[in-house]
Protein backbone atom coordinates (compact mmCIF):
# COMPACT_ATOMS: atom_id res chain seq x y z
CA MET A 1 11.80 -10.55 -32.12
CA HIS A 2 8.22 -9.99 -31.91
CA THR A 3 5.40 -10.52 -29.04
CA SER A 4 2.46 -12.27 -30.51
CA THR A 5 -1.11 -10.88 -29.64
CA SER A 6 -2.19 -13.95 -27.40
CA ALA A 7 1.14 -13.81 -25.76
CA ARG A 8 0.20 -10.01 -24.80
CA THR A 9 -3.52 -10.51 -23.72
CA ALA A 10 -2.80 -13.34 -21.70
CA PRO A 11 -1.49 -11.63 -18.67
CA ALA A 12 -4.68 -9.35 -18.90
CA VAL A 13 -7.13 -11.96 -19.54
CA ALA A 14 -5.76 -13.99 -16.47
CA SER A 15 -6.11 -11.01 -14.51
CA ALA A 16 -10.06 -10.43 -15.46
CA ASN A 17 -10.48 -14.39 -14.48
CA ARG A 18 -9.09 -13.54 -11.41
CA PHE A 19 -11.40 -10.36 -10.56
CA SER A 20 -14.46 -12.46 -12.29
CA TRP A 21 -17.10 -13.93 -9.77
CA ARG A 22 -17.76 -17.78 -10.53
CA VAL A 23 -21.51 -19.08 -9.14
CA VAL A 24 -19.33 -20.43 -6.42
CA ASP A 25 -18.25 -17.32 -5.12
CA ILE A 26 -21.72 -16.15 -5.41
CA VAL A 27 -23.33 -18.89 -3.30
CA VAL A 28 -20.57 -18.97 -0.71
CA ALA A 29 -20.68 -15.18 -0.09
CA ALA A 30 -24.79 -15.34 0.26
CA VAL A 31 -23.92 -18.56 2.59
CA LEU A 32 -21.45 -16.63 4.55
CA GLY A 33 -23.66 -13.50 4.64
CA VAL A 34 -26.73 -15.50 6.22
CA ALA A 35 -24.14 -17.13 8.94
CA ILE A 36 -22.91 -14.03 9.33
CA GLY A 37 -25.93 -12.49 10.19
CA LEU A 38 -27.28 -14.84 12.60
CA VAL A 39 -23.88 -14.21 14.50
CA PHE A 40 -24.56 -10.53 14.50
CA TRP A 41 -28.62 -11.37 15.63
CA GLY A 42 -26.76 -13.19 18.98
CA TRP A 43 -24.14 -10.02 19.10
CA ASN A 44 -26.93 -7.68 19.19
CA THR A 45 -28.00 -8.45 22.80
CA VAL A 46 -23.97 -9.36 24.07
CA GLY A 47 -22.31 -6.76 22.33
CA GLY A 48 -24.98 -3.97 23.12
CA LEU A 49 -24.91 -4.88 26.93
CA TRP A 50 -21.24 -4.70 26.62
CA PHE A 51 -21.47 -1.23 24.60
CA VAL A 52 -23.36 0.36 27.18
CA ALA A 53 -21.18 -0.82 30.04
CA MET A 54 -18.29 0.45 28.85
CA ASP A 55 -19.73 3.77 27.22
CA GLY A 56 -21.18 4.20 30.84
CA LEU A 57 -17.77 4.10 32.24
CA THR A 58 -16.53 6.27 29.85
CA PRO A 59 -18.30 7.65 26.87
CA GLY A 60 -16.57 6.59 23.50
CA LEU A 61 -15.21 3.45 24.96
CA GLY A 62 -18.18 1.22 24.05
CA GLY A 63 -16.43 1.07 20.61
CA ILE A 64 -14.31 -1.58 22.13
CA ALA A 65 -17.25 -3.79 21.46
CA VAL A 66 -18.17 -3.15 17.95
CA GLY A 67 -15.77 -5.84 16.44
CA ILE A 68 -17.93 -8.34 15.98
CA TRP A 69 -20.30 -6.58 13.96
CA LEU A 70 -17.35 -5.82 11.26
CA ILE A 71 -16.14 -9.56 10.75
CA GLY A 72 -18.20 -10.08 7.58
CA GLY A 73 -16.45 -7.95 5.59
CA VAL A 74 -13.41 -9.40 6.73
CA ILE A 75 -14.04 -13.12 5.99
CA GLY A 76 -16.05 -12.04 2.69
CA GLY A 77 -12.54 -10.89 1.55
CA LEU A 78 -10.59 -13.32 2.62
CA VAL A 79 -12.25 -16.28 1.46
CA ILE A 80 -13.63 -15.01 -1.91
CA ARG A 81 -10.88 -12.35 -2.63
CA LYS A 82 -12.51 -10.39 -5.66
CA PRO A 83 -13.39 -7.14 -5.83
CA GLY A 84 -16.99 -6.56 -3.75
CA ALA A 85 -16.43 -9.81 -1.82
CA ALA A 86 -16.25 -7.67 1.55
CA LEU A 87 -18.63 -5.13 1.04
CA LEU A 88 -21.37 -7.85 -0.10
CA VAL A 89 -20.88 -10.05 2.79
CA GLU A 90 -21.17 -7.56 5.23
CA LEU A 91 -24.37 -5.80 3.48
CA ILE A 92 -26.20 -9.21 3.66
CA ALA A 93 -25.23 -10.18 6.84
CA ALA A 94 -26.35 -6.73 7.78
CA ILE A 95 -29.62 -7.14 5.84
CA VAL A 96 -30.41 -10.55 7.71
CA SER A 97 -29.59 -9.27 11.23
CA ALA A 98 -32.01 -5.88 10.36
CA LEU A 99 -35.05 -8.36 8.90
CA ILE A 100 -34.60 -10.93 12.09
CA GLY A 101 -35.40 -8.05 13.87
CA ASN A 102 -33.28 -5.55 16.16
CA VAL A 103 -33.54 -2.50 17.91
CA TRP A 104 -31.47 -0.30 15.29
CA GLY A 105 -33.66 -1.58 12.27
CA VAL A 106 -32.96 -0.48 8.70
CA THR A 107 -30.20 1.52 9.77
CA THR A 108 -28.37 -1.77 10.40
CA ILE A 109 -28.19 -1.77 6.50
CA PHE A 110 -26.52 1.44 6.37
CA SER A 111 -23.82 0.14 8.89
CA GLY A 112 -23.67 -2.92 6.87
CA LEU A 113 -22.71 -0.54 4.02
CA ALA A 114 -20.48 1.57 5.59
CA GLN A 115 -18.58 -0.84 7.47
CA GLY A 116 -18.69 -3.18 4.56
CA LEU A 117 -16.96 -0.60 2.53
CA GLY A 118 -14.09 0.47 4.99
CA ALA A 119 -12.94 -3.61 4.96
CA GLU A 120 -13.26 -3.42 0.47
CA LEU A 121 -10.93 -0.09 0.67
CA ILE A 122 -8.28 -2.28 2.30
CA PHE A 123 -8.22 -5.31 0.00
CA LEU A 124 -8.58 -2.63 -2.83
CA ALA A 125 -5.41 -0.54 -1.49
CA PHE A 126 -3.71 -4.29 -1.89
CA LEU A 127 -5.07 -4.93 -5.02
CA TYR A 128 -6.68 -8.15 -4.05
CA LEU A 129 -3.44 -9.63 -3.77
CA ARG A 130 -2.41 -9.79 -0.26
CA PHE A 131 -4.66 -11.95 2.60
CA THR A 132 -2.14 -12.09 5.40
CA LEU A 133 -3.22 -11.56 9.05
CA PRO A 134 -1.76 -7.88 9.18
CA VAL A 135 -4.04 -7.22 5.76
CA SER A 136 -6.50 -8.94 7.69
CA MET A 137 -6.57 -6.52 10.97
CA LEU A 138 -6.21 -3.57 8.66
CA ALA A 139 -9.27 -4.86 6.92
CA GLY A 140 -11.08 -4.77 10.40
CA ALA A 141 -9.89 -1.49 11.58
CA GLY A 142 -11.11 0.13 8.11
CA ALA A 143 -14.45 -1.25 9.05
CA GLY A 144 -14.15 0.21 11.96
CA VAL A 145 -13.58 3.41 10.69
CA GLY A 146 -16.44 3.14 8.12
CA ALA A 147 -18.74 2.54 11.17
CA TRP A 148 -17.16 6.23 12.77
CA VAL A 149 -17.68 8.16 9.70
CA LEU A 150 -21.54 7.15 9.10
CA GLU A 151 -22.12 7.41 12.74
CA LEU A 152 -20.92 11.05 12.92
CA PHE A 153 -23.88 11.79 10.79
CA LEU A 154 -26.44 8.63 11.34
CA SER A 155 -26.12 9.17 15.52
CA ALA A 156 -25.07 12.52 15.19
CA ASN A 157 -21.77 12.01 16.75
CA ILE A 158 -20.54 15.33 15.01
CA GLU A 159 -22.58 17.28 17.59
CA LYS A 160 -20.10 15.39 20.36
CA SER A 161 -17.25 16.68 21.60
CA VAL A 162 -13.95 15.89 19.56
CA GLU A 163 -12.35 13.96 22.91
CA PHE A 164 -15.42 11.77 22.70
CA ASN A 165 -15.01 11.11 18.97
CA LEU A 166 -11.21 10.52 19.26
CA LEU A 167 -11.84 8.06 21.81
CA TYR A 168 -14.66 6.24 20.01
CA LEU A 169 -12.69 6.05 16.62
CA GLY A 170 -10.01 4.69 18.48
CA THR A 171 -11.86 1.81 20.22
CA LEU A 172 -13.30 1.12 17.06
CA ILE A 173 -10.30 0.59 15.22
CA ILE A 174 -8.84 -1.26 17.71
CA SER A 175 -12.13 -3.52 18.35
CA GLY A 176 -11.92 -3.89 14.59
CA ALA A 177 -8.52 -5.02 14.08
CA LEU A 178 -9.36 -7.58 16.86
CA LEU A 179 -12.25 -9.21 16.93
CA ALA A 180 -13.04 -8.77 13.22
CA GLY A 181 -9.48 -8.63 11.56
CA LEU A 182 -7.46 -11.31 13.88
CA VAL A 183 -10.72 -13.58 14.78
CA GLY A 184 -11.99 -13.16 11.41
CA TRP A 185 -8.63 -14.51 9.87
CA LEU A 186 -8.52 -17.16 12.65
CA LEU A 187 -11.99 -18.54 11.66
CA VAL A 188 -11.12 -18.32 8.01
CA ARG A 189 -7.95 -20.30 8.63
CA ALA A 190 -10.04 -22.98 10.69
CA LEU A 191 -12.54 -23.17 8.01
CA ALA A 192 -9.99 -23.42 5.55
CA ALA A 193 -8.38 -26.39 7.70
CA THR A 194 -11.45 -28.13 7.25
CA GLY A 195 -11.50 -28.92 3.72
CA ALA A 196 -14.89 -26.67 3.05
CA LEU A 197 -13.20 -23.82 0.84
CA SER A 198 -11.24 -26.34 -1.25
CA ARG A 199 -12.50 -24.50 -4.15
CA PHE A 200 -10.88 -20.91 -3.27
CA ALA A 201 -7.15 -19.93 -2.54
CA VAL A 202 -7.27 -20.01 1.17
CA GLY A 203 -8.53 -23.67 1.21
CA ARG A 204 -5.52 -24.63 -1.63
CA GLU A 205 -3.27 -22.49 0.96
CA ALA A 206 -4.24 -25.06 3.56
CA ARG A 207 -3.50 -27.49 2.20
CA ARG A 208 -0.29 -26.82 1.07
CA ASP A 209 0.52 -25.74 4.44
CA VAL A 210 -0.47 -29.55 6.00
């Protein structure tokens, strides 16, 4: 039996469509990025004070406060589920935070790139097919690793002790997994339950769970 050309190409077309960005994807990515950028702006004070306080106790422990700044990539990836979504939403959020004004200025955008890429690579590792809580927490942790790598050079952490860098990496991973991964997953589930994400897979999943 010969398989028709259309039958052979159908899976490839379906895969391409799944990864293609729709107008609604772009709009929602922008809206999420702006909203999360405002969250970042609010967290700049709270998280900044927490960071300083924890680092004052033990240098490197401040990473435990960073997780909220990593949440954009997690939420973008969970909602849009397309290549580049995690990176784009985190980057837009960082740009909004920088434009509103913070003590880090333009370097906030570099952080958004690194953190968004860290989350993006986790979703890529699962081929944009799995969006469970464990994957979400891994994406948050990945964003933390991205932040750590950037700060090795941007903040000259590479000149600090091995002990500091290992502790800072550990706290970034924990904070990313919990404050970005777990909290981000819960927020997306709550938003999907309202029907606001009905045009996305996560919204359809929420309806099936009801």
